[in-house]
Amino acid sequence: MGYRTRNKKGPDELYPITAIQGGIKTVRKVQLKDALKTIELPIFRPPAVLDGRADSTIECLSKDQFDLVEQRKVLARRLGVDEVCSPELDPAKFARFIAKCCFGYAVERYGIDAFESVYVRSAILGITNDVGRWVGSPDTREFPVRNTPMSGGFRILLDNDVLVRIKLFPRFDGAEYVTVVGKMKQLHADYRLVKDGREAGRA
């Protein structure tokens, strides 16, 4: 899609693809032209800290799915198989990725010294299994369609918790995610709420 990548693969690189033929599932390595080019974005419940759930595990309820270049049924027919399967998705790892993105945005915006505590740090590092407490999907989509890899926004909640909302692959109107990244120090929170009217305000 023209996005910059740190580790660009060469034309001879092989990609794994899982296919079903005659009821048998196999994994094969194919060149880029025959690889499944798809984007799958899981949809979660809202963060447990926002909807009051005691359960902080993360669960994929549904997915946004975008096949690029060609539909998977067309690819399957071209490869001579019955079906090309979606890649395996680990909801917890994906949610940790979202937490890391949101935390990075928050630090870029406010600076690390603005935070009294960072809720998502142990989940990002895999120390705790509570990523669903801080990360989830909102009930509505707010960001517009844009030709950019990601959109982001910020909100300071009533108890000075910082909520970051991101939208992945806005050009496809992809899923949005919210993360309660941590608690802001009172001085910083008061300053941000009045500075130039740029913050979304308390909610």
N, C-alpha and C. Protein backbone atom coordinates (compact mmCIF):
# COMPACT_ATOMS: atom_id res chain seq x y z
N MET A 1 0.82 -1.21 0.00
CA MET A 1 0.00 0.00 0.00
C MET A 1 0.85 1.26 0.00
N GLY A 2 2.16 1.09 -0.14
CA GLY A 2 3.04 2.24 -0.22
C GLY A 2 3.51 2.78 1.11
N TYR A 3 3.20 2.11 2.23
CA TYR A 3 3.69 2.55 3.53
C TYR A 3 5.14 2.15 3.69
N ARG A 4 5.89 2.97 4.40
CA ARG A 4 7.28 2.64 4.68
C ARG A 4 7.35 1.45 5.63
N THR A 5 8.35 0.61 5.45
CA THR A 5 8.53 -0.54 6.33
C THR A 5 10.00 -0.65 6.70
N ARG A 6 10.26 -1.09 7.91
CA ARG A 6 11.64 -1.19 8.39
C ARG A 6 12.36 -2.35 7.73
N ASN A 7 11.66 -3.47 7.54
CA ASN A 7 12.28 -4.68 6.97
C ASN A 7 11.58 -5.05 5.67
N LYS A 8 11.99 -4.39 4.60
CA LYS A 8 11.35 -4.64 3.31
C LYS A 8 11.84 -5.97 2.74
N LYS A 9 10.90 -6.84 2.36
CA LYS A 9 11.26 -8.15 1.82
C LYS A 9 11.54 -8.05 0.33
N GLY A 10 12.45 -8.90 -0.12
CA GLY A 10 12.81 -8.92 -1.52
C GLY A 10 11.83 -9.77 -2.33
N PRO A 11 11.96 -9.75 -3.66
CA PRO A 11 11.03 -10.47 -4.53
C PRO A 11 11.10 -11.98 -4.38
N ASP A 12 12.20 -12.50 -3.84
CA ASP A 12 12.35 -13.95 -3.69
C ASP A 12 11.90 -14.46 -2.32
N GLU A 13 11.47 -13.56 -1.45
CA GLU A 13 11.01 -13.98 -0.12
C GLU A 13 9.74 -14.83 -0.27
N LEU A 14 9.61 -15.81 0.63
CA LEU A 14 8.43 -16.67 0.62
C LEU A 14 7.55 -16.36 1.83
N TYR A 15 6.25 -16.51 1.64
CA TYR A 15 5.27 -16.19 2.67
C TYR A 15 4.43 -17.42 2.96
N PRO A 16 4.12 -17.69 4.22
CA PRO A 16 3.28 -18.85 4.54
C PRO A 16 1.83 -18.59 4.18
N ILE A 17 1.17 -19.59 3.68
CA ILE A 17 -0.26 -19.51 3.39
C ILE A 17 -0.90 -20.84 3.78
N THR A 18 -2.02 -20.77 4.46
CA THR A 18 -2.73 -21.97 4.89
C THR A 18 -3.90 -22.22 3.94
N ALA A 19 -3.94 -23.42 3.39
CA ALA A 19 -4.97 -23.76 2.41
C ALA A 19 -5.63 -25.08 2.77
N ILE A 20 -6.85 -25.27 2.32
CA ILE A 20 -7.60 -26.52 2.51
C ILE A 20 -7.90 -27.11 1.14
N GLN A 21 -7.54 -28.36 0.97
CA GLN A 21 -7.81 -29.08 -0.27
C GLN A 21 -8.28 -30.49 0.09
N GLY A 22 -9.48 -30.84 -0.32
CA GLY A 22 -10.01 -32.16 -0.02
C GLY A 22 -10.17 -32.41 1.47
N GLY A 23 -10.46 -31.36 2.23
CA GLY A 23 -10.64 -31.50 3.66
C GLY A 23 -9.36 -31.52 4.47
N ILE A 24 -8.22 -31.40 3.82
CA ILE A 24 -6.92 -31.43 4.50
C ILE A 24 -6.32 -30.03 4.50
N LYS A 25 -5.94 -29.57 5.69
CA LYS A 25 -5.34 -28.25 5.84
C LYS A 25 -3.82 -28.37 5.82
N THR A 26 -3.20 -27.59 4.99
CA THR A 26 -1.74 -27.60 4.89
C THR A 26 -1.23 -26.16 4.86
N VAL A 27 0.04 -25.99 5.25
CA VAL A 27 0.71 -24.70 5.18
C VAL A 27 1.79 -24.80 4.12
N ARG A 28 1.78 -23.90 3.19
CA ARG A 28 2.79 -23.89 2.13
C ARG A 28 3.45 -22.52 2.08
N LYS A 29 4.61 -22.45 1.44
CA LYS A 29 5.32 -21.18 1.26
C LYS A 29 5.16 -20.76 -0.19
N VAL A 30 4.76 -19.50 -0.40
CA VAL A 30 4.52 -19.01 -1.75
C VAL A 30 5.20 -17.65 -1.92
N GLN A 31 5.37 -17.25 -3.16
CA GLN A 31 5.91 -15.93 -3.45
C GLN A 31 4.84 -14.87 -3.20
N LEU A 32 5.27 -13.63 -3.14
CA LEU A 32 4.37 -12.55 -2.79
C LEU A 32 3.14 -12.48 -3.70
N LYS A 33 3.32 -12.77 -4.97
CA LYS A 33 2.19 -12.68 -5.90
C LYS A 33 1.09 -13.68 -5.57
N ASP A 34 1.44 -14.76 -4.86
CA ASP A 34 0.46 -15.79 -4.51
C ASP A 34 0.09 -15.76 -3.03
N ALA A 35 0.60 -14.78 -2.29
CA ALA A 35 0.31 -14.71 -0.86
C ALA A 35 -1.06 -14.11 -0.63
N LEU A 36 -1.66 -14.46 0.50
CA LEU A 36 -2.93 -13.86 0.89
C LEU A 36 -2.66 -12.47 1.44
N LYS A 37 -3.16 -11.46 0.75
CA LYS A 37 -2.95 -10.08 1.16
C LYS A 37 -4.25 -9.62 1.82
N THR A 38 -4.26 -9.67 3.12
CA THR A 38 -5.49 -9.38 3.86
C THR A 38 -5.18 -8.57 5.11
N ILE A 39 -6.14 -7.80 5.54
CA ILE A 39 -6.07 -7.09 6.81
C ILE A 39 -7.22 -7.60 7.67
N GLU A 40 -6.91 -8.08 8.85
CA GLU A 40 -7.94 -8.53 9.79
C GLU A 40 -7.79 -7.77 11.09
N LEU A 41 -8.84 -7.09 11.49
CA LEU A 41 -8.82 -6.26 12.69
C LEU A 41 -9.89 -6.78 13.65
N PRO A 42 -9.50 -7.34 14.79
CA PRO A 42 -10.48 -7.88 15.73
C PRO A 42 -11.31 -6.79 16.38
N ILE A 43 -12.54 -7.12 16.71
CA ILE A 43 -13.43 -6.24 17.45
C ILE A 43 -13.57 -6.81 18.86
N PHE A 44 -13.28 -5.99 19.86
CA PHE A 44 -13.35 -6.41 21.26
C PHE A 44 -14.53 -5.75 21.97
N ARG A 45 -14.76 -6.16 23.19
CA ARG A 45 -15.63 -5.41 24.08
C ARG A 45 -14.89 -4.13 24.51
N PRO A 46 -15.62 -3.15 25.06
CA PRO A 46 -14.91 -1.96 25.58
C PRO A 46 -13.97 -2.37 26.71
N PRO A 47 -13.00 -1.54 27.03
CA PRO A 47 -12.12 -1.85 28.17
C PRO A 47 -12.94 -2.09 29.43
N ALA A 48 -12.55 -3.09 30.20
CA ALA A 48 -13.30 -3.44 31.41
C ALA A 48 -13.36 -2.29 32.39
N VAL A 49 -12.33 -1.47 32.43
CA VAL A 49 -12.32 -0.34 33.37
C VAL A 49 -13.38 0.69 33.02
N LEU A 50 -13.85 0.71 31.77
CA LEU A 50 -14.86 1.67 31.36
C LEU A 50 -16.28 1.13 31.50
N ASP A 51 -16.46 -0.18 31.28
CA ASP A 51 -17.83 -0.70 31.38
C ASP A 51 -18.10 -1.45 32.69
N GLY A 52 -17.11 -1.44 33.61
CA GLY A 52 -17.34 -1.99 34.95
C GLY A 52 -17.26 -3.50 35.05
N ARG A 53 -16.73 -4.17 34.03
CA ARG A 53 -16.59 -5.63 34.11
C ARG A 53 -15.50 -6.01 35.08
N ALA A 54 -15.69 -7.12 35.77
CA ALA A 54 -14.63 -7.66 36.63
C ALA A 54 -13.64 -8.47 35.81
N ASP A 55 -14.09 -9.03 34.69
CA ASP A 55 -13.26 -9.86 33.84
C ASP A 55 -12.40 -8.99 32.93
N SER A 56 -11.09 -9.13 33.02
CA SER A 56 -10.19 -8.29 32.23
C SER A 56 -9.51 -9.05 31.09
N THR A 57 -10.00 -10.25 30.77
CA THR A 57 -9.45 -10.97 29.63
C THR A 57 -9.93 -10.31 28.34
N ILE A 58 -9.21 -10.54 27.26
CA ILE A 58 -9.54 -9.95 25.96
C ILE A 58 -10.13 -11.03 25.07
N GLU A 59 -11.18 -10.70 24.36
CA GLU A 59 -11.87 -11.68 23.52
C GLU A 59 -12.26 -11.03 22.21
N CYS A 60 -12.01 -11.74 21.11
CA CYS A 60 -12.39 -11.26 19.78
C CYS A 60 -13.86 -11.60 19.54
N LEU A 61 -14.70 -10.59 19.40
CA LEU A 61 -16.12 -10.81 19.17
C LEU A 61 -16.45 -10.93 17.69
N SER A 62 -15.74 -10.17 16.87
CA SER A 62 -15.91 -10.21 15.42
C SER A 62 -14.68 -9.58 14.80
N LYS A 63 -14.68 -9.41 13.48
CA LYS A 63 -13.51 -8.84 12.82
C LYS A 63 -13.94 -7.93 11.68
N ASP A 64 -13.14 -6.90 11.46
CA ASP A 64 -13.14 -6.20 10.18
C ASP A 64 -12.15 -6.94 9.29
N GLN A 65 -12.56 -7.22 8.07
CA GLN A 65 -11.71 -8.02 7.18
C GLN A 65 -11.66 -7.36 5.81
N PHE A 66 -10.44 -7.09 5.35
CA PHE A 66 -10.26 -6.45 4.06
C PHE A 66 -9.27 -7.28 3.23
N ASP A 67 -9.77 -7.87 2.15
CA ASP A 67 -8.89 -8.58 1.23
C ASP A 67 -8.36 -7.59 0.20
N LEU A 68 -7.05 -7.55 0.03
CA LEU A 68 -6.41 -6.62 -0.89
C LEU A 68 -6.04 -7.35 -2.18
N VAL A 69 -6.00 -6.64 -3.26
CA VAL A 69 -5.59 -7.12 -4.58
C VAL A 69 -6.61 -8.08 -5.18
N GLU A 70 -6.89 -9.20 -4.50
CA GLU A 70 -7.88 -10.15 -5.01
C GLU A 70 -8.59 -10.82 -3.85
N GLN A 71 -9.84 -11.20 -4.07
CA GLN A 71 -10.61 -11.90 -3.05
C GLN A 71 -10.01 -13.28 -2.80
N ARG A 72 -10.18 -13.79 -1.58
CA ARG A 72 -9.53 -15.07 -1.25
C ARG A 72 -10.12 -16.23 -2.04
N LYS A 73 -11.39 -16.16 -2.43
CA LYS A 73 -11.95 -17.24 -3.25
C LYS A 73 -11.33 -17.24 -4.65
N VAL A 74 -10.98 -16.05 -5.15
CA VAL A 74 -10.29 -15.96 -6.44
C VAL A 74 -8.88 -16.51 -6.30
N LEU A 75 -8.20 -16.17 -5.20
CA LEU A 75 -6.86 -16.69 -4.96
C LEU A 75 -6.89 -18.21 -4.82
N ALA A 76 -7.88 -18.74 -4.11
CA ALA A 76 -7.99 -20.20 -3.94
C ALA A 76 -8.17 -20.89 -5.28
N ARG A 77 -9.01 -20.33 -6.12
CA ARG A 77 -9.23 -20.92 -7.44
C ARG A 77 -7.95 -20.87 -8.27
N ARG A 78 -7.23 -19.78 -8.16
CA ARG A 78 -5.98 -19.66 -8.93
C ARG A 78 -4.92 -20.64 -8.45
N LEU A 79 -4.90 -20.91 -7.14
CA LEU A 79 -3.92 -21.84 -6.58
C LEU A 79 -4.38 -23.29 -6.65
N GLY A 80 -5.62 -23.51 -7.08
CA GLY A 80 -6.12 -24.87 -7.22
C GLY A 80 -6.45 -25.54 -5.90
N VAL A 81 -6.93 -24.77 -4.93
CA VAL A 81 -7.32 -25.32 -3.62
C VAL A 81 -8.77 -24.94 -3.34
N ASP A 82 -9.36 -25.62 -2.36
CA ASP A 82 -10.76 -25.36 -2.03
C ASP A 82 -10.94 -24.05 -1.27
N GLU A 83 -9.97 -23.75 -0.41
CA GLU A 83 -10.12 -22.58 0.45
C GLU A 83 -8.76 -22.08 0.90
N VAL A 84 -8.63 -20.78 0.97
CA VAL A 84 -7.46 -20.14 1.59
C VAL A 84 -7.91 -19.60 2.94
N CYS A 85 -7.22 -19.99 4.00
CA CYS A 85 -7.65 -19.68 5.36
C CYS A 85 -7.08 -18.35 5.85
N SER A 86 -7.83 -17.73 6.75
CA SER A 86 -7.34 -16.52 7.41
C SER A 86 -6.18 -16.87 8.31
N PRO A 87 -5.24 -15.95 8.49
CA PRO A 87 -4.13 -16.22 9.41
C PRO A 87 -4.62 -16.30 10.84
N GLU A 88 -3.89 -17.04 11.68
CA GLU A 88 -4.25 -17.17 13.10
C GLU A 88 -4.06 -15.82 13.79
N LEU A 89 -4.95 -15.52 14.70
CA LEU A 89 -4.90 -14.26 15.41
C LEU A 89 -4.92 -14.50 16.91
N ASP A 90 -3.95 -13.94 17.60
CA ASP A 90 -3.91 -14.01 19.06
C ASP A 90 -4.46 -12.69 19.60
N PRO A 91 -5.69 -12.70 20.15
CA PRO A 91 -6.30 -11.44 20.60
C PRO A 91 -5.46 -10.70 21.63
N ALA A 92 -4.83 -11.43 22.55
CA ALA A 92 -4.04 -10.77 23.59
C ALA A 92 -2.83 -10.06 23.00
N LYS A 93 -2.13 -10.70 22.07
CA LYS A 93 -0.97 -10.06 21.45
C LYS A 93 -1.39 -8.82 20.65
N PHE A 94 -2.53 -8.95 19.95
CA PHE A 94 -2.99 -7.80 19.17
C PHE A 94 -3.36 -6.65 20.11
N ALA A 95 -4.03 -6.95 21.21
CA ALA A 95 -4.41 -5.91 22.17
C ALA A 95 -3.18 -5.27 22.80
N ARG A 96 -2.14 -6.05 23.05
CA ARG A 96 -0.89 -5.49 23.57
C ARG A 96 -0.26 -4.54 22.54
N PHE A 97 -0.36 -4.89 21.27
CA PHE A 97 0.11 -4.01 20.20
C PHE A 97 -0.66 -2.69 20.22
N ILE A 98 -1.98 -2.76 20.38
CA ILE A 98 -2.80 -1.56 20.45
C ILE A 98 -2.39 -0.72 21.66
N ALA A 99 -2.19 -1.38 22.81
CA ALA A 99 -1.78 -0.66 24.02
C ALA A 99 -0.46 0.05 23.80
N LYS A 100 0.47 -0.61 23.12
CA LYS A 100 1.78 -0.02 22.87
C LYS A 100 1.66 1.20 21.95
N CYS A 101 0.83 1.09 20.90
CA CYS A 101 0.61 2.23 20.01
C CYS A 101 0.02 3.41 20.76
N CYS A 102 -1.01 3.14 21.56
CA CYS A 102 -1.69 4.22 22.29
C CYS A 102 -0.77 4.85 23.32
N PHE A 103 0.00 4.03 24.00
CA PHE A 103 0.94 4.57 24.99
C PHE A 103 1.98 5.45 24.29
N GLY A 104 2.46 5.00 23.14
CA GLY A 104 3.42 5.79 22.38
C GLY A 104 2.84 7.14 21.97
N TYR A 105 1.57 7.13 21.50
CA TYR A 105 0.92 8.39 21.14
C TYR A 105 0.81 9.31 22.35
N ALA A 106 0.43 8.73 23.52
CA ALA A 106 0.25 9.54 24.72
C ALA A 106 1.56 10.17 25.17
N VAL A 107 2.64 9.41 25.10
CA VAL A 107 3.95 9.94 25.50
C VAL A 107 4.40 11.02 24.53
N GLU A 108 4.15 10.80 23.23
CA GLU A 108 4.51 11.82 22.25
C GLU A 108 3.72 13.11 22.50
N ARG A 109 2.47 12.96 22.89
CA ARG A 109 1.61 14.13 23.07
C ARG A 109 1.90 14.87 24.37
N TYR A 110 2.00 14.12 25.47
CA TYR A 110 2.07 14.74 26.79
C TYR A 110 3.45 14.67 27.44
N GLY A 111 4.28 13.70 27.03
CA GLY A 111 5.56 13.46 27.69
C GLY A 111 5.40 12.47 28.83
N ILE A 112 6.40 11.66 29.07
CA ILE A 112 6.31 10.62 30.09
C ILE A 112 6.18 11.21 31.49
N ASP A 113 6.76 12.38 31.71
CA ASP A 113 6.73 12.99 33.04
C ASP A 113 5.34 13.49 33.43
N ALA A 114 4.41 13.55 32.46
CA ALA A 114 3.06 14.01 32.78
C ALA A 114 2.24 12.96 33.50
N PHE A 115 2.73 11.71 33.53
CA PHE A 115 1.93 10.62 34.07
C PHE A 115 2.32 10.29 35.51
N GLU A 116 1.29 10.20 36.33
CA GLU A 116 1.47 9.76 37.71
C GLU A 116 1.67 8.25 37.75
N SER A 117 0.95 7.52 36.89
CA SER A 117 1.11 6.08 36.77
C SER A 117 0.71 5.66 35.36
N VAL A 118 1.30 4.56 34.88
CA VAL A 118 1.00 4.02 33.56
C VAL A 118 0.35 2.65 33.75
N TYR A 119 -0.93 2.55 33.42
CA TYR A 119 -1.67 1.31 33.65
C TYR A 119 -1.25 0.17 32.73
N VAL A 120 -0.89 0.51 31.50
CA VAL A 120 -0.71 -0.53 30.48
C VAL A 120 0.71 -1.10 30.43
N ARG A 121 1.63 -0.57 31.22
CA ARG A 121 3.03 -0.98 31.09
C ARG A 121 3.22 -2.48 31.30
N SER A 122 2.66 -3.04 32.37
CA SER A 122 2.88 -4.46 32.66
C SER A 122 2.19 -5.35 31.63
N ALA A 123 1.05 -4.89 31.08
CA ALA A 123 0.37 -5.67 30.04
C ALA A 123 1.18 -5.66 28.75
N ILE A 124 1.73 -4.49 28.39
CA ILE A 124 2.56 -4.41 27.18
C ILE A 124 3.76 -5.35 27.28
N LEU A 125 4.36 -5.40 28.47
CA LEU A 125 5.55 -6.24 28.67
C LEU A 125 5.19 -7.72 28.86
N GLY A 126 3.91 -8.04 28.93
CA GLY A 126 3.49 -9.42 29.11
C GLY A 126 3.64 -9.92 30.53
N ILE A 127 3.80 -9.01 31.48
CA ILE A 127 3.95 -9.39 32.88
C ILE A 127 2.61 -9.77 33.48
N THR A 128 1.56 -9.04 33.09
CA THR A 128 0.22 -9.32 33.60
C THR A 128 -0.70 -9.70 32.45
N ASN A 129 -1.79 -10.36 32.77
CA ASN A 129 -2.76 -10.80 31.77
C ASN A 129 -4.05 -9.99 31.90
N ASP A 130 -3.90 -8.67 31.97
CA ASP A 130 -5.06 -7.82 32.19
C ASP A 130 -5.24 -6.77 31.10
N VAL A 131 -4.77 -7.08 29.89
CA VAL A 131 -4.83 -6.09 28.82
C VAL A 131 -6.27 -5.69 28.50
N GLY A 132 -7.23 -6.62 28.69
CA GLY A 132 -8.62 -6.31 28.44
C GLY A 132 -9.22 -5.32 29.43
N ARG A 133 -8.53 -5.09 30.51
CA ARG A 133 -8.99 -4.07 31.46
C ARG A 133 -8.79 -2.67 30.90
N TRP A 134 -7.75 -2.50 30.08
CA TRP A 134 -7.36 -1.18 29.60
C TRP A 134 -7.64 -0.96 28.12
N VAL A 135 -7.74 -2.04 27.34
CA VAL A 135 -7.85 -1.94 25.89
C VAL A 135 -9.17 -2.55 25.42
N GLY A 136 -9.79 -1.96 24.42
CA GLY A 136 -11.01 -2.52 23.86
C GLY A 136 -11.48 -1.73 22.66
N SER A 137 -12.67 -2.07 22.21
CA SER A 137 -13.28 -1.39 21.06
C SER A 137 -14.42 -0.50 21.53
N PRO A 138 -14.53 0.70 20.99
CA PRO A 138 -15.65 1.58 21.36
C PRO A 138 -16.93 1.13 20.67
N ASP A 139 -18.04 1.66 21.11
CA ASP A 139 -19.34 1.32 20.51
C ASP A 139 -19.57 2.02 19.19
N THR A 140 -18.88 3.12 18.95
CA THR A 140 -19.08 3.89 17.73
C THR A 140 -17.73 4.18 17.08
N ARG A 141 -17.78 4.55 15.81
CA ARG A 141 -16.58 4.96 15.08
C ARG A 141 -16.67 6.47 14.84
N GLU A 142 -15.61 7.17 15.18
CA GLU A 142 -15.63 8.63 15.13
C GLU A 142 -14.71 9.22 14.08
N PHE A 143 -13.64 8.52 13.72
CA PHE A 143 -12.66 9.09 12.81
C PHE A 143 -13.10 8.94 11.36
N PRO A 144 -12.81 9.94 10.53
CA PRO A 144 -13.19 9.86 9.11
C PRO A 144 -12.26 8.97 8.32
N VAL A 145 -12.68 8.64 7.12
CA VAL A 145 -11.83 7.90 6.18
C VAL A 145 -10.72 8.83 5.71
N ARG A 146 -9.47 8.36 5.84
CA ARG A 146 -8.31 9.15 5.44
C ARG A 146 -7.26 8.22 4.85
N ASN A 147 -6.44 8.74 3.96
CA ASN A 147 -5.39 7.95 3.34
C ASN A 147 -4.13 7.99 4.21
N THR A 148 -4.20 7.31 5.34
CA THR A 148 -3.10 7.29 6.31
C THR A 148 -3.13 5.95 7.04
N PRO A 149 -2.01 5.47 7.57
CA PRO A 149 -2.02 4.17 8.24
C PRO A 149 -2.77 4.17 9.57
N MET A 150 -2.88 5.34 10.23
CA MET A 150 -3.49 5.36 11.55
C MET A 150 -3.96 6.78 11.89
N SER A 151 -5.08 6.87 12.60
CA SER A 151 -5.55 8.15 13.14
C SER A 151 -5.60 8.03 14.66
N GLY A 152 -5.44 9.14 15.37
CA GLY A 152 -5.45 9.10 16.82
C GLY A 152 -6.09 10.32 17.44
N GLY A 153 -6.62 10.15 18.66
CA GLY A 153 -7.20 11.24 19.41
C GLY A 153 -7.05 10.98 20.90
N PHE A 154 -7.30 12.01 21.72
CA PHE A 154 -7.01 11.95 23.16
C PHE A 154 -8.17 12.52 23.96
N ARG A 155 -8.33 12.02 25.17
CA ARG A 155 -9.32 12.57 26.09
C ARG A 155 -8.83 12.37 27.52
N ILE A 156 -9.01 13.38 28.34
CA ILE A 156 -8.71 13.27 29.76
C ILE A 156 -10.02 13.01 30.49
N LEU A 157 -10.13 11.89 31.18
CA LEU A 157 -11.35 11.51 31.87
C LEU A 157 -11.43 12.22 33.23
N LEU A 158 -12.56 12.05 33.90
CA LEU A 158 -12.83 12.80 35.14
C LEU A 158 -11.79 12.57 36.22
N ASP A 159 -11.26 11.35 36.30
CA ASP A 159 -10.27 11.05 37.35
C ASP A 159 -8.84 11.22 36.85
N ASN A 160 -8.68 12.00 35.79
CA ASN A 160 -7.38 12.29 35.18
C ASN A 160 -6.77 11.10 34.44
N ASP A 161 -7.57 10.07 34.21
CA ASP A 161 -7.11 8.98 33.35
C ASP A 161 -7.07 9.47 31.91
N VAL A 162 -6.05 9.05 31.19
CA VAL A 162 -5.88 9.47 29.80
C VAL A 162 -6.35 8.35 28.88
N LEU A 163 -7.33 8.67 28.05
CA LEU A 163 -7.85 7.72 27.08
C LEU A 163 -7.33 8.10 25.70
N VAL A 164 -6.78 7.12 24.99
CA VAL A 164 -6.32 7.33 23.62
C VAL A 164 -7.17 6.48 22.69
N ARG A 165 -7.67 7.09 21.64
CA ARG A 165 -8.45 6.37 20.63
C ARG A 165 -7.65 6.35 19.33
N ILE A 166 -7.54 5.18 18.71
CA ILE A 166 -6.86 5.09 17.42
C ILE A 166 -7.75 4.34 16.42
N LYS A 167 -7.52 4.64 15.17
CA LYS A 167 -8.21 3.96 14.07
C LYS A 167 -7.14 3.40 13.15
N LEU A 168 -7.15 2.10 12.93
CA LEU A 168 -6.17 1.46 12.06
C LEU A 168 -6.69 1.42 10.63
N PHE A 169 -5.82 1.72 9.69
CA PHE A 169 -6.15 1.72 8.26
C PHE A 169 -7.42 2.53 7.97
N PRO A 170 -7.39 3.84 8.25
CA PRO A 170 -8.58 4.67 8.03
C PRO A 170 -9.05 4.68 6.58
N ARG A 171 -8.18 4.39 5.62
CA ARG A 171 -8.61 4.40 4.22
C ARG A 171 -9.68 3.35 3.96
N PHE A 172 -9.72 2.28 4.78
CA PHE A 172 -10.74 1.24 4.64
C PHE A 172 -11.87 1.40 5.66
N ASP A 173 -11.84 2.49 6.44
CA ASP A 173 -12.76 2.66 7.56
C ASP A 173 -12.62 1.49 8.53
N GLY A 174 -11.36 1.20 8.89
CA GLY A 174 -11.06 0.07 9.76
C GLY A 174 -11.49 0.30 11.19
N ALA A 175 -11.32 -0.74 12.00
CA ALA A 175 -11.76 -0.73 13.39
C ALA A 175 -11.06 0.37 14.19
N GLU A 176 -11.77 0.87 15.20
CA GLU A 176 -11.19 1.81 16.15
C GLU A 176 -11.03 1.13 17.50
N TYR A 177 -10.04 1.59 18.26
CA TYR A 177 -9.73 1.01 19.56
C TYR A 177 -9.51 2.13 20.56
N VAL A 178 -9.84 1.86 21.82
CA VAL A 178 -9.58 2.82 22.89
C VAL A 178 -8.74 2.14 23.96
N THR A 179 -7.84 2.92 24.53
CA THR A 179 -6.96 2.43 25.60
C THR A 179 -6.89 3.47 26.71
N VAL A 180 -7.13 3.05 27.93
CA VAL A 180 -6.91 3.91 29.09
C VAL A 180 -5.46 3.66 29.50
N VAL A 181 -4.57 4.56 29.12
CA VAL A 181 -3.14 4.28 29.22
C VAL A 181 -2.58 4.53 30.61
N GLY A 182 -3.15 5.49 31.35
CA GLY A 182 -2.60 5.78 32.67
C GLY A 182 -3.24 7.01 33.28
N LYS A 183 -2.77 7.38 34.43
CA LYS A 183 -3.30 8.55 35.15
C LYS A 183 -2.33 9.72 35.01
N MET A 184 -2.88 10.87 34.62
CA MET A 184 -2.07 12.06 34.48
C MET A 184 -1.97 12.80 35.82
N LYS A 185 -0.82 13.40 36.07
CA LYS A 185 -0.65 14.22 37.26
C LYS A 185 -1.63 15.41 37.21
N GLN A 186 -2.13 15.79 38.36
CA GLN A 186 -3.17 16.82 38.43
C GLN A 186 -2.73 18.11 37.76
N LEU A 187 -1.51 18.54 38.01
CA LEU A 187 -1.02 19.78 37.43
C LEU A 187 -1.06 19.75 35.91
N HIS A 188 -0.63 18.63 35.33
CA HIS A 188 -0.63 18.50 33.87
C HIS A 188 -2.05 18.44 33.33
N ALA A 189 -2.93 17.73 34.06
CA ALA A 189 -4.32 17.61 33.62
C ALA A 189 -5.00 18.97 33.59
N ASP A 190 -4.82 19.78 34.63
CA ASP A 190 -5.42 21.11 34.68
C ASP A 190 -4.89 21.99 33.56
N TYR A 191 -3.60 21.89 33.29
CA TYR A 191 -2.98 22.69 32.24
C TYR A 191 -3.52 22.30 30.87
N ARG A 192 -3.62 20.99 30.61
CA ARG A 192 -4.06 20.52 29.31
C ARG A 192 -5.52 20.87 29.03
N LEU A 193 -6.33 20.93 30.05
CA LEU A 193 -7.75 21.21 29.86
C LEU A 193 -8.02 22.66 29.44
N VAL A 194 -7.09 23.55 29.71
CA VAL A 194 -7.32 24.95 29.37
C VAL A 194 -6.42 25.44 28.24
N LYS A 195 -5.39 24.69 27.92
CA LYS A 195 -4.41 25.16 26.92
C LYS A 195 -5.02 25.24 25.54
N ASP A 196 -5.25 26.44 25.06
CA ASP A 196 -5.67 26.71 23.69
C ASP A 196 -6.95 26.00 23.28
N GLY A 197 -7.65 25.35 24.21
CA GLY A 197 -8.87 24.64 23.86
C GLY A 197 -8.65 23.45 22.95
N ARG A 198 -7.45 22.89 22.94
CA ARG A 198 -7.13 21.83 21.97
C ARG A 198 -7.55 20.45 22.45
N GLU A 199 -7.65 20.25 23.75
CA GLU A 199 -8.01 18.93 24.25
C GLU A 199 -9.51 18.68 24.06
N ALA A 200 -9.89 17.43 23.98
CA ALA A 200 -11.30 17.09 23.82
C ALA A 200 -12.08 17.36 25.08
N GLY A 201 -11.36 17.58 26.21
CA GLY A 201 -12.02 17.88 27.46
C GLY A 201 -12.28 16.64 28.28
N ARG A 202 -12.87 16.85 29.42
CA ARG A 202 -13.18 15.72 30.30
C ARG A 202 -14.47 15.06 29.85
N ALA A 203 -14.56 13.75 30.09
CA ALA A 203 -15.75 13.02 29.69
C ALA A 203 -16.08 11.97 30.72
